[in-house]
Amino acid sequence: MKFSTPEGPEANFIRITMDGGRHEIYAEGTISENTAEDFERFVREKNIQQARVYLNSPGGSLVGGIKLGRLIRALGFETDVQSQAYEHGKGPIAICASACAYAYAGGTARFYGDEVGRIGLHQFYGSDEASINASEAQVASGFIVSYLNEMGIDGRTFVVAANAHSSEMAWLSTSDAEKLGIANNGVMPTTAEIKLSEGRPYLKLEQTYNNVTSRVLLLCNRGDLHLLGGIVTTPQRSEEQIRYNTISLLEFDQTPYQSLDKSRGASVEGSVIWIERRLDSTGQRLLLNSGQLGMWLHNNGAMRWGSYINLAQVRPKIQNFLDNCLP
């Protein structure tokens, strides 16, 4: 597999001004068992700290693909399926098949559109298929499933691969890849954990997108439930938004809740804009029954700014916290 990254004044300008310093790395060709080592050397020599890796590969070594995926995850890089030659509908689309799909799975954010690339899965096999006995196949299957779980990808992906013979290929549509969690287009699952502040427990929810992180803190105070919604961006962006917008509100499944002047319910702290509300019985009901919470700033115009967090993914943990929090 060969690696390249756009060079020159124009590429540097775009990277710094539009991509936040993130490099584009094009990884193309067959994956070998040593590809991860070659990639690590390339990244080190180029002194690359942030990157989106564009994959275009027919596959190759399964072990090599998984090693490359683990390295991409350890580096915190994103992945995508697109050829360097593809631009605005010109040139061939990329493929990321077989072992490449497992390398792609290593991206923290995994972008995929079947109009510019194709992800393909099939059964694993050795150099001599007849040499793989049942015991070896079981070990290899466990290895693959464990890796998919480690990367946060639905184990059903292995079933899709296993149902396609090694001489065939199961090509995934964009919706298929998203349903399996192979592609997330920069949207991470919501996490939930109990934290302590001065000996008092609170529930912290967090979901990371490609360009913003949504954070929600739920706190109990003498039977009252308080929600602190955080929009995590950059200090410059947070200062700009709190300055130009005058109204803050929460939104449960597009149902507005407590729209207030920002002086009564919004503040900025470094890179985080906080929107704070005491949840009455209506707010508590909306919290438990809504699939999504939006946190927004606006200035009574058509435009608004903010972020969403998926509540459905962590509803049992929210319910458990409220059961132990409220009378």
C-alpha atoms as a PDB file:
ATOM      1  CA  MET A   1       0.000   0.000   0.000  1.00  0.00           C
ATOM      2  CA  LYS A   2       1.259   3.481  -0.899  1.00  0.00           C
ATOM      3  CA  PHE A   3       0.631   6.678   1.079  1.00  0.00           C
ATOM      4  CA  SER A   4       0.542  10.292  -0.071  1.00  0.00           C
ATOM      5  CA  THR A   5      -0.651  13.652   1.163  1.00  0.00           C
ATOM      6  CA  PRO A   6      -1.247  16.838  -0.893  1.00  0.00           C
ATOM      7  CA  GLU A   7       1.752  19.161  -0.756  1.00  0.00           C
ATOM      8  CA  GLY A   8       2.443  22.763  -1.727  1.00  0.00           C
ATOM      9  CA  PRO A   9       1.195  26.257  -0.802  1.00  0.00           C
ATOM     10  CA  GLU A  10      -2.415  25.689  -1.891  1.00  0.00           C
ATOM     11  CA  ALA A  11      -2.749  22.416   0.041  1.00  0.00           C
ATOM     12  CA  ASN A  12      -1.180  23.999   3.133  1.00  0.00           C
ATOM     13  CA  PHE A  13      -3.522  27.001   2.897  1.00  0.00           C
ATOM     14  CA  ILE A  14      -6.623  24.787   2.684  1.00  0.00           C
ATOM     15  CA  ARG A  15      -5.438  22.564   5.508  1.00  0.00           C
ATOM     16  CA  ILE A  16      -4.772  25.461   7.868  1.00  0.00           C
ATOM     17  CA  THR A  17      -7.697  27.752   7.027  1.00  0.00           C
ATOM     18  CA  MET A  18     -10.474  25.265   6.186  1.00  0.00           C
ATOM     19  CA  ASP A  19      -9.588  21.913   7.742  1.00  0.00           C
ATOM     20  CA  GLY A  20      -8.284  23.034  11.130  1.00  0.00           C
ATOM     21  CA  GLY A  21      -4.794  21.707  10.436  1.00  0.00           C
ATOM     22  CA  ARG A  22      -6.031  18.234   9.467  1.00  0.00           C
ATOM     23  CA  HIS A  23      -4.060  16.449   6.733  1.00  0.00           C
ATOM     24  CA  GLU A  24      -5.522  14.355   3.939  1.00  0.00           C
ATOM     25  CA  ILE A  25      -3.734  11.016   3.606  1.00  0.00           C
ATOM     26  CA  TYR A  26      -4.445   8.837   0.581  1.00  0.00           C
ATOM     27  CA  ALA A  27      -3.806   5.136   1.245  1.00  0.00           C
ATOM     28  CA  GLU A  28      -4.063   3.102  -1.942  1.00  0.00           C
ATOM     29  CA  GLY A  29      -3.152  -0.438  -2.969  1.00  0.00           C
ATOM     30  CA  THR A  30      -3.009  -3.902  -1.433  1.00  0.00           C
ATOM     31  CA  ILE A  31      -2.636  -4.263   2.351  1.00  0.00           C
ATOM     32  CA  SER A  32       0.226  -6.430   3.606  1.00  0.00           C
ATOM     33  CA  GLU A  33       1.073  -7.557   7.132  1.00  0.00           C
ATOM     34  CA  ASN A  34       3.645  -4.713   7.262  1.00  0.00           C
ATOM     35  CA  THR A  35       1.336  -1.930   6.079  1.00  0.00           C
ATOM     36  CA  ALA A  36       0.745  -0.589   9.608  1.00  0.00           C
ATOM     37  CA  GLU A  37       4.478  -0.207  10.168  1.00  0.00           C
ATOM     38  CA  ASP A  38       4.845   1.554   6.797  1.00  0.00           C
ATOM     39  CA  PHE A  39       1.954   3.896   7.655  1.00  0.00           C
ATOM     40  CA  GLU A  40       3.385   4.736  11.076  1.00  0.00           C
ATOM     41  CA  ARG A  41       6.721   5.585   9.456  1.00  0.00           C
ATOM     42  CA  PHE A  42       4.993   7.825   6.882  1.00  0.00           C
ATOM     43  CA  VAL A  43       3.045   9.704   9.566  1.00  0.00           C
ATOM     44  CA  ARG A  44       6.139  10.180  11.701  1.00  0.00           C
ATOM     45  CA  GLU A  45       8.284  11.436   8.795  1.00  0.00           C
ATOM     46  CA  LYS A  46       5.578  13.923   7.747  1.00  0.00           C
ATOM     47  CA  ASN A  47       4.963  14.949  11.390  1.00  0.00           C
ATOM     48  CA  ILE A  48       1.206  14.514  10.942  1.00  0.00           C
ATOM     49  CA  GLN A  49      -0.860  15.069  14.103  1.00  0.00           C
ATOM     50  CA  GLN A  50      -4.407  15.140  12.661  1.00  0.00           C
ATOM     51  CA  ALA A  51      -5.608  13.356   9.545  1.00  0.00           C
ATOM     52  CA  ARG A  52      -8.431  11.860   7.547  1.00  0.00           C
ATOM     53  CA  VAL A  53      -7.258   8.695   5.784  1.00  0.00           C
ATOM     54  CA  TYR A  54      -8.842   8.128   2.363  1.00  0.00           C
ATOM     55  CA  LEU A  55      -8.741   4.412   1.573  1.00  0.00           C
ATOM     56  CA  ASN A  56      -8.790   2.807  -1.865  1.00  0.00           C
ATOM     57  CA  SER A  57      -7.834  -0.862  -1.647  1.00  0.00           C
ATOM     58  CA  PRO A  58      -9.039  -4.269  -2.851  1.00  0.00           C
ATOM     59  CA  GLY A  59      -7.943  -5.754   0.473  1.00  0.00           C
ATOM     60  CA  GLY A  60      -5.089  -8.075   1.217  1.00  0.00           C
ATOM     61  CA  SER A  61      -3.886  -9.376   4.572  1.00  0.00           C
ATOM     62  CA  LEU A  62      -6.659  -9.621   7.194  1.00  0.00           C
ATOM     63  CA  VAL A  63      -4.114  -9.338  10.017  1.00  0.00           C
ATOM     64  CA  GLY A  64      -2.526  -6.367   8.241  1.00  0.00           C
ATOM     65  CA  GLY A  65      -5.902  -4.641   7.860  1.00  0.00           C
ATOM     66  CA  ILE A  66      -6.716  -5.037  11.546  1.00  0.00           C
ATOM     67  CA  LYS A  67      -3.244  -3.838  12.567  1.00  0.00           C
ATOM     68  CA  LEU A  68      -3.689  -0.761  10.369  1.00  0.00           C
ATOM     69  CA  GLY A  69      -7.156  -0.131  11.830  1.00  0.00           C
ATOM     70  CA  ARG A  70      -5.836  -0.303  15.380  1.00  0.00           C
ATOM     71  CA  LEU A  71      -3.034   2.118  14.523  1.00  0.00           C
ATOM     72  CA  ILE A  72      -5.456   4.584  12.904  1.00  0.00           C
ATOM     73  CA  ARG A  73      -7.604   4.468  16.066  1.00  0.00           C
ATOM     74  CA  ALA A  74      -4.579   4.924  18.348  1.00  0.00           C
ATOM     75  CA  LEU A  75      -3.562   7.996  16.326  1.00  0.00           C
ATOM     76  CA  GLY A  76      -7.084   9.418  16.542  1.00  0.00           C
ATOM     77  CA  PHE A  77      -7.386   9.706  12.754  1.00  0.00           C
ATOM     78  CA  GLU A  78     -10.598   9.693  10.703  1.00  0.00           C
ATOM     79  CA  THR A  79     -11.259   7.414   7.721  1.00  0.00           C
ATOM     80  CA  ASP A  80     -13.092   7.798   4.419  1.00  0.00           C
ATOM     81  CA  VAL A  81     -13.437   5.805   1.198  1.00  0.00           C
ATOM     82  CA  GLN A  82     -12.420   7.892  -1.776  1.00  0.00           C
ATOM     83  CA  SER A  83      -9.756   7.833  -4.464  1.00  0.00           C
ATOM     84  CA  GLN A  84      -7.338  10.712  -4.940  1.00  0.00           C
ATOM     85  CA  ALA A  85      -8.261  10.608  -8.633  1.00  0.00           C
ATOM     86  CA  TYR A  86     -11.985  11.148  -7.929  1.00  0.00           C
ATOM     87  CA  GLU A  87     -13.163  14.745  -8.138  1.00  0.00           C
ATOM     88  CA  HIS A  88     -16.666  16.066  -8.848  1.00  0.00           C
ATOM     89  CA  GLY A  89     -17.816  12.892 -10.570  1.00  0.00           C
ATOM     90  CA  LYS A  90     -14.653  12.499 -12.627  1.00  0.00           C
ATOM     91  CA  GLY A  91     -12.477   9.434 -12.328  1.00  0.00           C
ATOM     92  CA  PRO A  92     -13.218   6.021 -10.845  1.00  0.00           C
ATOM     93  CA  ILE A  93     -14.843   5.631  -7.470  1.00  0.00           C
ATOM     94  CA  ALA A  94     -12.786   4.002  -4.717  1.00  0.00           C
ATOM     95  CA  ILE A  95     -13.307   0.569  -3.259  1.00  0.00           C
ATOM     96  CA  CYS A  96     -12.464  -0.571   0.250  1.00  0.00           C
ATOM     97  CA  ALA A  97     -12.986  -4.320   0.242  1.00  0.00           C
ATOM     98  CA  SER A  98     -12.154  -7.293   2.436  1.00  0.00           C
ATOM     99  CA  ALA A  99      -9.216  -6.444   4.758  1.00  0.00           C
ATOM    100  CA  CYS A 100      -9.533  -2.752   3.848  1.00  0.00           C
ATOM    101  CA  ALA A 101     -12.958  -2.632   5.530  1.00  0.00           C
ATOM    102  CA  TYR A 102     -11.305  -3.587   8.831  1.00  0.00           C
ATOM    103  CA  ALA A 103      -8.669  -0.881   8.391  1.00  0.00           C
ATOM    104  CA  TYR A 104     -11.473   1.604   7.676  1.00  0.00           C
ATOM    105  CA  ALA A 105     -13.196   0.522  10.913  1.00  0.00           C
ATOM    106  CA  GLY A 106     -10.307   2.027  12.882  1.00  0.00           C
ATOM    107  CA  GLY A 107     -11.318   5.616  12.145  1.00  0.00           C
ATOM    108  CA  THR A 108     -12.704   7.612  15.047  1.00  0.00           C
ATOM    109  CA  ALA A 109     -15.025   9.301  12.549  1.00  0.00           C
ATOM    110  CA  ARG A 110     -15.825   7.082   9.559  1.00  0.00           C
ATOM    111  CA  PHE A 111     -17.193   8.853   6.485  1.00  0.00           C
ATOM    112  CA  TYR A 112     -18.848   6.996   3.631  1.00  0.00           C
ATOM    113  CA  GLY A 113     -20.953   7.803   0.604  1.00  0.00           C
ATOM    114  CA  ASP A 114     -21.620   5.060  -1.907  1.00  0.00           C
ATOM    115  CA  GLU A 115     -21.642   7.622  -4.713  1.00  0.00           C
ATOM    116  CA  VAL A 116     -17.853   8.124  -4.358  1.00  0.00           C
ATOM    117  CA  GLY A 117     -16.740   4.794  -2.868  1.00  0.00           C
ATOM    118  CA  ARG A 118     -17.822   1.240  -2.068  1.00  0.00           C
ATOM    119  CA  ILE A 119     -17.223  -0.864   1.051  1.00  0.00           C
ATOM    120  CA  GLY A 120     -17.233  -4.615   0.471  1.00  0.00           C
ATOM    121  CA  LEU A 121     -17.218  -7.572   2.885  1.00  0.00           C
ATOM    122  CA  HIS A 122     -16.745 -11.306   2.417  1.00  0.00           C
ATOM    123  CA  GLN A 123     -15.564 -14.408   4.292  1.00  0.00           C
ATOM    124  CA  PHE A 124     -11.967 -14.488   5.456  1.00  0.00           C
ATOM    125  CA  TYR A 125      -9.734 -17.106   3.911  1.00  0.00           C
ATOM    126  CA  GLY A 126      -6.125 -18.284   3.867  1.00  0.00           C
ATOM    127  CA  SER A 127      -3.773 -18.791   0.973  1.00  0.00           C
ATOM    128  CA  ASP A 128      -5.204 -22.298   0.762  1.00  0.00           C
ATOM    129  CA  GLU A 129      -8.881 -22.319   1.797  1.00  0.00           C
ATOM    130  CA  ALA A 130      -8.833 -26.072   2.330  1.00  0.00           C
ATOM    131  CA  SER A 131      -6.125 -25.641   4.961  1.00  0.00           C
ATOM    132  CA  ILE A 132      -8.494 -23.759   7.346  1.00  0.00           C
ATOM    133  CA  ASN A 133     -10.061 -26.317   9.660  1.00  0.00           C
ATOM    134  CA  ALA A 134     -13.060 -25.737  11.921  1.00  0.00           C
ATOM    135  CA  SER A 135     -10.944 -24.976  14.984  1.00  0.00           C
ATOM    136  CA  GLU A 136      -8.834 -22.376  13.153  1.00  0.00           C
ATOM    137  CA  ALA A 137     -11.945 -20.816  11.628  1.00  0.00           C
ATOM    138  CA  GLN A 138     -13.489 -20.457  15.099  1.00  0.00           C
ATOM    139  CA  VAL A 139     -10.375 -18.744  16.454  1.00  0.00           C
ATOM    140  CA  ALA A 140     -10.233 -16.390  13.461  1.00  0.00           C
ATOM    141  CA  SER A 141     -13.949 -15.596  13.787  1.00  0.00           C
ATOM    142  CA  GLY A 142     -13.531 -14.729  17.462  1.00  0.00           C
ATOM    143  CA  PHE A 143     -10.568 -12.514  16.573  1.00  0.00           C
ATOM    144  CA  ILE A 144     -12.619 -10.545  14.022  1.00  0.00           C
ATOM    145  CA  VAL A 145     -15.701 -10.176  16.248  1.00  0.00           C
ATOM    146  CA  SER A 146     -13.523  -9.019  19.159  1.00  0.00           C
ATOM    147  CA  TYR A 147     -11.912  -6.392  16.927  1.00  0.00           C
ATOM    148  CA  LEU A 148     -15.289  -5.113  15.686  1.00  0.00           C
ATOM    149  CA  ASN A 149     -16.509  -4.786  19.288  1.00  0.00           C
ATOM    150  CA  GLU A 150     -13.301  -2.958  20.198  1.00  0.00           C
ATOM    151  CA  MET A 151     -13.970  -0.466  17.387  1.00  0.00           C
ATOM    152  CA  GLY A 152     -17.602   0.015  18.501  1.00  0.00           C
ATOM    153  CA  ILE A 153     -19.089  -1.673  15.427  1.00  0.00           C
ATOM    154  CA  ASP A 154     -22.146  -3.935  15.448  1.00  0.00           C
ATOM    155  CA  GLY A 155     -21.224  -7.627  15.500  1.00  0.00           C
ATOM    156  CA  ARG A 156     -23.796  -8.214  12.763  1.00  0.00           C
ATOM    157  CA  THR A 157     -21.117  -6.936  10.408  1.00  0.00           C
ATOM    158  CA  PHE A 158     -19.346 -10.266  10.795  1.00  0.00           C
ATOM    159  CA  VAL A 159     -22.554 -12.097   9.892  1.00  0.00           C
ATOM    160  CA  VAL A 160     -22.830 -10.044   6.678  1.00  0.00           C
ATOM    161  CA  ALA A 161     -19.223 -10.910   5.839  1.00  0.00           C
ATOM    162  CA  ALA A 162     -19.634 -14.593   6.703  1.00  0.00           C
ATOM    163  CA  ASN A 163     -22.660 -14.924   4.428  1.00  0.00           C
ATOM    164  CA  ALA A 164     -20.664 -13.754   1.391  1.00  0.00           C
ATOM    165  CA  HIS A 165     -18.402 -16.470  -0.032  1.00  0.00           C
ATOM    166  CA  SER A 166     -14.730 -15.598  -0.363  1.00  0.00           C
ATOM    167  CA  SER A 167     -15.198 -15.452  -4.145  1.00  0.00           C
ATOM    168  CA  GLU A 168     -18.095 -13.001  -3.761  1.00  0.00           C
ATOM    169  CA  MET A 169     -18.489  -9.560  -2.207  1.00  0.00           C
ATOM    170  CA  ALA A 170     -21.286  -7.995  -0.144  1.00  0.00           C
ATOM    171  CA  TRP A 171     -21.238  -4.340  -1.173  1.00  0.00           C
ATOM    172  CA  LEU A 172     -22.743  -2.011   1.436  1.00  0.00           C
ATOM    173  CA  SER A 173     -24.988   0.921   0.673  1.00  0.00           C
ATOM    174  CA  THR A 174     -24.545   4.075   2.731  1.00  0.00           C
ATOM    175  CA  SER A 175     -27.629   3.213   4.813  1.00  0.00           C
ATOM    176  CA  ASP A 176     -26.407  -0.365   5.380  1.00  0.00           C
ATOM    177  CA  ALA A 177     -23.049   0.886   6.617  1.00  0.00           C
ATOM    178  CA  GLU A 178     -24.695   3.402   8.964  1.00  0.00           C
ATOM    179  CA  LYS A 179     -27.111   0.826  10.404  1.00  0.00           C
ATOM    180  CA  LEU A 180     -24.219  -1.516  11.188  1.00  0.00           C
ATOM    181  CA  GLY A 181     -22.221   1.315  12.722  1.00  0.00           C
ATOM    182  CA  ILE A 182     -19.391   0.825  10.230  1.00  0.00           C
ATOM    183  CA  ALA A 183     -19.923   4.379   8.996  1.00  0.00           C
ATOM    184  CA  ASN A 184     -20.849   7.115  11.441  1.00  0.00           C
ATOM    185  CA  ASN A 185     -20.084  10.260   9.387  1.00  0.00           C
ATOM    186  CA  GLY A 186     -18.486  11.870  12.404  1.00  0.00           C
ATOM    187  CA  VAL A 187     -21.280  11.127  14.900  1.00  0.00           C
ATOM    188  CA  MET A 188     -20.180   9.104  17.926  1.00  0.00           C
ATOM    189  CA  PRO A 189     -22.586   7.180  20.203  1.00  0.00           C
ATOM    190  CA  THR A 190     -23.821   8.968  23.317  1.00  0.00           C
ATOM    191  CA  THR A 191     -21.962   7.987  26.479  1.00  0.00           C
ATOM    192  CA  ALA A 192     -23.353   8.152  30.023  1.00  0.00           C
ATOM    193  CA  GLU A 193     -21.528   7.942  33.330  1.00  0.00           C
ATOM    194  CA  ILE A 194     -22.125   8.841  36.959  1.00  0.00           C
ATOM    195  CA  LYS A 195     -19.667  11.444  38.278  1.00  0.00           C
ATOM    196  CA  LEU A 196     -19.169  13.074  41.671  1.00  0.00           C
ATOM    197  CA  SER A 197     -18.878  16.749  42.549  1.00  0.00           C
ATOM    198  CA  GLU A 198     -18.262  17.590  46.200  1.00  0.00           C
ATOM    199  CA  GLY A 199     -19.643  14.181  47.114  1.00  0.00           C
ATOM    200  CA  ARG A 200     -22.851  14.636  45.135  1.00  0.00           C
ATOM    201  CA  PRO A 201     -23.552  12.394  42.128  1.00  0.00           C
ATOM    202  CA  TYR A 202     -24.551  13.685  38.727  1.00  0.00           C
ATOM    203  CA  LEU A 203     -25.105  12.026  35.358  1.00  0.00           C
ATOM    204  CA  LYS A 204     -22.859  13.129  32.501  1.00  0.00           C
ATOM    205  CA  LEU A 205     -24.011  12.518  28.909  1.00  0.00           C
ATOM    206  CA  GLU A 206     -21.763  13.263  25.955  1.00  0.00           C
ATOM    207  CA  GLN A 207     -21.863  12.841  22.193  1.00  0.00           C
ATOM    208  CA  THR A 208     -19.128  13.899  19.790  1.00  0.00           C
ATOM    209  CA  TYR A 209     -19.751  15.067  16.238  1.00  0.00           C
ATOM    210  CA  ASN A 210     -17.206  15.940  13.584  1.00  0.00           C
ATOM    211  CA  ASN A 211     -17.148  19.632  14.489  1.00  0.00           C
ATOM    212  CA  VAL A 212     -18.745  19.922  17.937  1.00  0.00           C
ATOM    213  CA  THR A 213     -19.345  17.972  21.139  1.00  0.00           C
ATOM    214  CA  SER A 214     -22.666  17.966  22.987  1.00  0.00           C
ATOM    215  CA  ARG A 215     -22.513  17.573  26.761  1.00  0.00           C
ATOM    216  CA  VAL A 216     -25.358  17.297  29.283  1.00  0.00           C
ATOM    217  CA  LEU A 217     -25.070  17.243  33.066  1.00  0.00           C
ATOM    218  CA  LEU A 218     -28.085  16.163  35.136  1.00  0.00           C
ATOM    219  CA  LEU A 219     -27.980  17.170  38.807  1.00  0.00           C
ATOM    220  CA  CYS A 220     -30.368  16.680  41.714  1.00  0.00           C
ATOM    221  CA  ASN A 221     -30.782  19.333  44.359  1.00  0.00           C
ATOM    222  CA  ARG A 222     -33.271  18.636  47.159  1.00  0.00           C
ATOM    223  CA  GLY A 223     -35.674  16.890  44.839  1.00  0.00           C
ATOM    224  CA  ASP A 224     -35.258  19.359  41.983  1.00  0.00           C
ATOM    225  CA  LEU A 225     -33.717  18.264  38.677  1.00  0.00           C
ATOM    226  CA  HIS A 226     -31.331  20.632  36.931  1.00  0.00           C
ATOM    227  CA  LEU A 227     -30.025  20.238  33.400  1.00  0.00           C
ATOM    228  CA  LEU A 228     -26.796  21.870  32.252  1.00  0.00           C
ATOM    229  CA  GLY A 229     -26.379  21.571  28.486  1.00  0.00           C
ATOM    230  CA  GLY A 230     -22.934  22.226  27.047  1.00  0.00           C
ATOM    231  CA  ILE A 231     -22.017  23.004  23.425  1.00  0.00           C
ATOM    232  CA  VAL A 232     -18.282  22.314  23.225  1.00  0.00           C
ATOM    233  CA  THR A 233     -16.549  24.103  20.348  1.00  0.00           C
ATOM    234  CA  THR A 234     -13.616  26.547  20.355  1.00  0.00           C
ATOM    235  CA  PRO A 235     -13.117  29.599  22.599  1.00  0.00           C
ATOM    236  CA  GLN A 236     -13.416  31.903  19.566  1.00  0.00           C
ATOM    237  CA  ARG A 237     -16.611  30.287  18.288  1.00  0.00           C
ATOM    238  CA  SER A 238     -18.227  30.211  21.745  1.00  0.00           C
ATOM    239  CA  GLU A 239     -17.490  33.910  22.347  1.00  0.00           C
ATOM    240  CA  GLU A 240     -18.871  34.824  18.915  1.00  0.00           C
ATOM    241  CA  GLN A 241     -22.111  32.897  19.387  1.00  0.00           C
ATOM    242  CA  ILE A 242     -22.824  34.144  22.908  1.00  0.00           C
ATOM    243  CA  ARG A 243     -22.196  37.710  21.684  1.00  0.00           C
ATOM    244  CA  TYR A 244     -24.386  37.632  18.550  1.00  0.00           C
ATOM    245  CA  ASN A 245     -27.309  35.587  19.868  1.00  0.00           C
ATOM    246  CA  THR A 246     -29.755  36.773  22.514  1.00  0.00           C
ATOM    247  CA  ILE A 247     -32.081  33.792  23.174  1.00  0.00           C
ATOM    248  CA  SER A 248     -31.302  30.304  24.501  1.00  0.00           C
ATOM    249  CA  LEU A 249     -33.603  27.303  24.561  1.00  0.00           C
ATOM    250  CA  LEU A 250     -33.784  23.540  24.821  1.00  0.00           C
ATOM    251  CA  GLU A 251     -35.658  21.421  22.292  1.00  0.00           C
ATOM    252  CA  PHE A 252     -36.927  17.880  22.910  1.00  0.00           C
ATOM    253  CA  ASP A 253     -37.707  16.145  19.593  1.00  0.00           C
ATOM    254  CA  GLN A 254     -38.342  19.591  18.035  1.00  0.00           C
ATOM    255  CA  THR A 255     -40.584  20.631  20.960  1.00  0.00           C
ATOM    256  CA  PRO A 256     -39.197  23.929  22.365  1.00  0.00           C
ATOM    257  CA  TYR A 257     -38.742  24.076  26.120  1.00  0.00           C
ATOM    258  CA  GLN A 258     -38.099  27.223  28.180  1.00  0.00           C
ATOM    259  CA  SER A 259     -36.922  29.805  25.672  1.00  0.00           C
ATOM    260  CA  LEU A 260     -35.172  32.492  27.733  1.00  0.00           C
ATOM    261  CA  ASP A 261     -33.064  35.599  27.324  1.00  0.00           C
ATOM    262  CA  LYS A 262     -29.436  34.465  27.422  1.00  0.00           C
ATOM    263  CA  SER A 263     -28.746  36.509  30.568  1.00  0.00           C
ATOM    264  CA  ARG A 264     -31.148  34.199  32.446  1.00  0.00           C
ATOM    265  CA  GLY A 265     -30.020  30.816  31.157  1.00  0.00           C
ATOM    266  CA  ALA A 266     -26.824  30.828  29.100  1.00  0.00           C
ATOM    267  CA  SER A 267     -23.173  31.469  29.810  1.00  0.00           C
ATOM    268  CA  VAL A 268     -19.773  30.804  28.281  1.00  0.00           C
ATOM    269  CA  GLU A 269     -16.796  29.161  29.958  1.00  0.00           C
ATOM    270  CA  GLY A 270     -13.747  28.807  27.732  1.00  0.00           C
ATOM    271  CA  SER A 271     -14.730  26.659  24.768  1.00  0.00           C
ATOM    272  CA  VAL A 272     -18.130  25.663  26.225  1.00  0.00           C
ATOM    273  CA  ILE A 273     -21.454  27.456  25.997  1.00  0.00           C
ATOM    274  CA  TRP A 274     -23.689  26.297  28.857  1.00  0.00           C
ATOM    275  CA  ILE A 275     -27.480  26.407  28.782  1.00  0.00           C
ATOM    276  CA  GLU A 276     -28.977  25.798  32.222  1.00  0.00           C
ATOM    277  CA  ARG A 277     -32.569  24.910  33.093  1.00  0.00           C
ATOM    278  CA  ARG A 278     -34.507  23.579  36.062  1.00  0.00           C
ATOM    279  CA  LEU A 279     -36.684  20.778  34.658  1.00  0.00           C
ATOM    280  CA  ASP A 280     -40.255  20.864  35.905  1.00  0.00           C
ATOM    281  CA  SER A 281     -42.561  17.847  35.567  1.00  0.00           C
ATOM    282  CA  THR A 282     -43.085  18.611  31.857  1.00  0.00           C
ATOM    283  CA  GLY A 283     -39.355  18.845  31.282  1.00  0.00           C
ATOM    284  CA  GLN A 284     -38.750  15.585  33.150  1.00  0.00           C
ATOM    285  CA  ARG A 285     -41.364  13.820  31.042  1.00  0.00           C
ATOM    286  CA  LEU A 286     -39.836  15.175  27.843  1.00  0.00           C
ATOM    287  CA  LEU A 287     -36.376  14.094  28.987  1.00  0.00           C
ATOM    288  CA  LEU A 288     -37.523  10.512  29.532  1.00  0.00           C
ATOM    289  CA  ASN A 289     -39.612  10.166  26.387  1.00  0.00           C
ATOM    290  CA  SER A 290     -37.661  12.085  23.760  1.00  0.00           C
ATOM    291  CA  GLY A 291     -35.131  10.597  21.391  1.00  0.00           C
ATOM    292  CA  GLN A 292     -33.101  13.756  20.992  1.00  0.00           C
ATOM    293  CA  LEU A 293     -32.276  16.933  22.887  1.00  0.00           C
ATOM    294  CA  GLY A 294     -31.277  20.116  21.086  1.00  0.00           C
ATOM    295  CA  MET A 295     -29.441  23.031  22.705  1.00  0.00           C
ATOM    296  CA  TRP A 296     -29.777  26.280  20.772  1.00  0.00           C
ATOM    297  CA  LEU A 297     -28.916  29.967  20.641  1.00  0.00           C
ATOM    298  CA  HIS A 298     -30.647  32.414  18.301  1.00  0.00           C
ATOM    299  CA  ASN A 299     -31.514  36.098  17.982  1.00  0.00           C
ATOM    300  CA  ASN A 300     -35.209  35.939  16.994  1.00  0.00           C
ATOM    301  CA  GLY A 301     -34.203  35.454  13.368  1.00  0.00           C
ATOM    302  CA  ALA A 302     -34.381  32.487  11.019  1.00  0.00           C
ATOM    303  CA  MET A 303     -30.857  31.308  11.842  1.00  0.00           C
ATOM    304  CA  ARG A 304     -29.846  29.516  15.019  1.00  0.00           C
ATOM    305  CA  TRP A 305     -26.734  27.758  16.307  1.00  0.00           C
ATOM    306  CA  GLY A 306     -26.254  24.783  18.606  1.00  0.00           C
ATOM    307  CA  SER A 307     -26.060  20.997  18.705  1.00  0.00           C
ATOM    308  CA  TYR A 308     -28.020  17.804  19.360  1.00  0.00           C
ATOM    309  CA  ILE A 309     -27.485  14.847  21.669  1.00  0.00           C
ATOM    310  CA  ASN A 310     -29.105  11.429  21.229  1.00  0.00           C
ATOM    311  CA  LEU A 311     -31.054  10.515  24.397  1.00  0.00           C
ATOM    312  CA  ALA A 312     -32.553   7.246  23.135  1.00  0.00           C
ATOM    313  CA  GLN A 313     -29.169   5.504  23.239  1.00  0.00           C
ATOM    314  CA  VAL A 314     -28.819   6.090  26.995  1.00  0.00           C
ATOM    315  CA  ARG A 315     -32.472   6.205  28.116  1.00  0.00           C
ATOM    316  CA  PRO A 316     -32.146   3.326  30.674  1.00  0.00           C
ATOM    317  CA  LYS A 317     -29.296   5.161  32.403  1.00  0.00           C
ATOM    318  CA  ILE A 318     -31.303   8.396  32.500  1.00  0.00           C
ATOM    319  CA  GLN A 319     -34.277   6.507  33.956  1.00  0.00           C
ATOM    320  CA  ASN A 320     -32.096   4.838  36.584  1.00  0.00           C
ATOM    321  CA  PHE A 321     -30.578   8.169  37.606  1.00  0.00           C
ATOM    322  CA  LEU A 322     -33.981   9.819  37.972  1.00  0.00           C
ATOM    323  CA  ASP A 323     -35.345   6.847  39.926  1.00  0.00           C
ATOM    324  CA  ASN A 324     -32.546   7.349  42.459  1.00  0.00           C
ATOM    325  CA  CYS A 325     -32.665  11.120  42.330  1.00  0.00           C
ATOM    326  CA  LEU A 326     -36.255  12.272  42.494  1.00  0.00           C
ATOM    327  CA  PRO A 327     -38.740  11.481  45.266  1.00  0.00           C
END
